[in-house]
């Protein structure tokens, strides 16, 4: 889990800063918000407290397999 944090935070920060540097403020805001939502979904799964939508998505993926 620590490895994910070590990779996730710098990567998201680098991309967000790059978008802001190129004056893409709206894109940076959307990217940052969606990244945080994805991080929240992942964190819930890792702590064995998934949100309803992640359970639904997991069932869809299993049924496709």
Protein backbone atom coordinates (compact mmCIF):
# COMPACT_ATOMS: atom_id res chain seq x y z
CA UNK A 1 0.00 0.00 0.00
CA UNK A 2 2.88 2.34 0.74
CA UNK A 3 4.26 1.78 -2.75
CA UNK A 4 1.01 3.03 -4.26
CA UNK A 5 1.18 6.24 -2.23
CA UNK A 6 4.81 6.74 -3.23
CA UNK A 7 3.88 6.43 -6.94
CA UNK A 8 0.45 8.06 -6.88
CA UNK A 9 1.14 11.35 -5.13
CA UNK A 10 4.17 12.45 -7.19
CA UNK A 11 2.59 11.33 -10.46
CA UNK A 12 -0.67 13.18 -9.84
CA UNK A 13 1.21 16.20 -8.55
CA UNK A 14 3.50 16.28 -11.58
CA UNK A 15 0.61 16.09 -14.05
CA UNK A 16 -1.45 18.69 -12.18
CA UNK A 17 1.49 21.10 -11.98
CA UNK A 18 2.26 20.57 -15.66
CA UNK A 19 -1.34 21.35 -16.63
CA UNK A 20 -1.30 24.48 -14.47
CA UNK A 21 2.05 25.53 -15.95
CA UNK A 22 0.56 25.31 -19.45
CA UNK A 23 -2.40 27.46 -18.32
CA UNK A 24 -4.95 24.61 -18.54
CA UNK A 25 -6.64 25.52 -15.27
CA UNK A 26 -9.98 23.84 -15.99
CA UNK A 27 -8.28 20.67 -17.18
CA UNK A 28 -6.07 20.62 -14.10
CA UNK A 29 -9.08 21.02 -11.82
CA UNK A 30 -11.04 18.23 -13.53
CA UNK A 31 -7.99 15.96 -13.52
CA UNK A 32 -7.30 16.60 -9.85
CA UNK A 33 -10.91 16.03 -8.77
CA UNK A 34 -11.24 12.81 -10.76
CA UNK A 35 -7.90 11.58 -9.45
CA UNK A 36 -8.99 12.20 -5.88
CA UNK A 37 -12.28 10.38 -6.48
CA UNK A 38 -10.42 7.41 -7.91
CA UNK A 39 -8.03 7.49 -4.97
CA UNK A 40 -10.97 7.49 -2.56
CA UNK A 41 -12.53 4.47 -4.27
CA UNK A 42 -9.23 2.63 -4.17
CA UNK A 43 -8.62 3.49 -0.53
CA UNK A 44 -12.03 2.13 0.45
CA UNK A 45 -11.31 -1.16 -1.30
CA UNK A 46 -7.91 -1.52 0.35
CA UNK A 47 -9.40 -0.92 3.80
CA UNK A 48 -12.11 -3.55 3.12
CA UNK A 49 -14.87 -0.93 3.17
CA UNK A 50 -15.78 -0.53 -0.50
CA UNK A 51 -18.44 1.87 -1.65
CA UNK A 52 -21.55 0.47 -3.31
CA UNK A 53 -20.39 1.55 -6.77
CA UNK A 54 -17.12 -0.37 -6.45
CA UNK A 55 -19.01 -3.52 -5.53
CA UNK A 56 -21.25 -2.97 -8.57
CA UNK A 57 -18.27 -2.43 -10.88
CA UNK A 58 -16.55 -5.54 -9.48
CA UNK A 59 -19.68 -7.62 -10.19
CA UNK A 60 -19.78 -6.30 -13.77
CA UNK A 61 -16.13 -7.19 -14.31
CA UNK A 62 -16.65 -10.68 -12.87
CA UNK A 63 -19.67 -11.29 -15.09
CA UNK A 64 -17.67 -10.22 -18.17
CA UNK A 65 -14.93 -12.70 -17.30
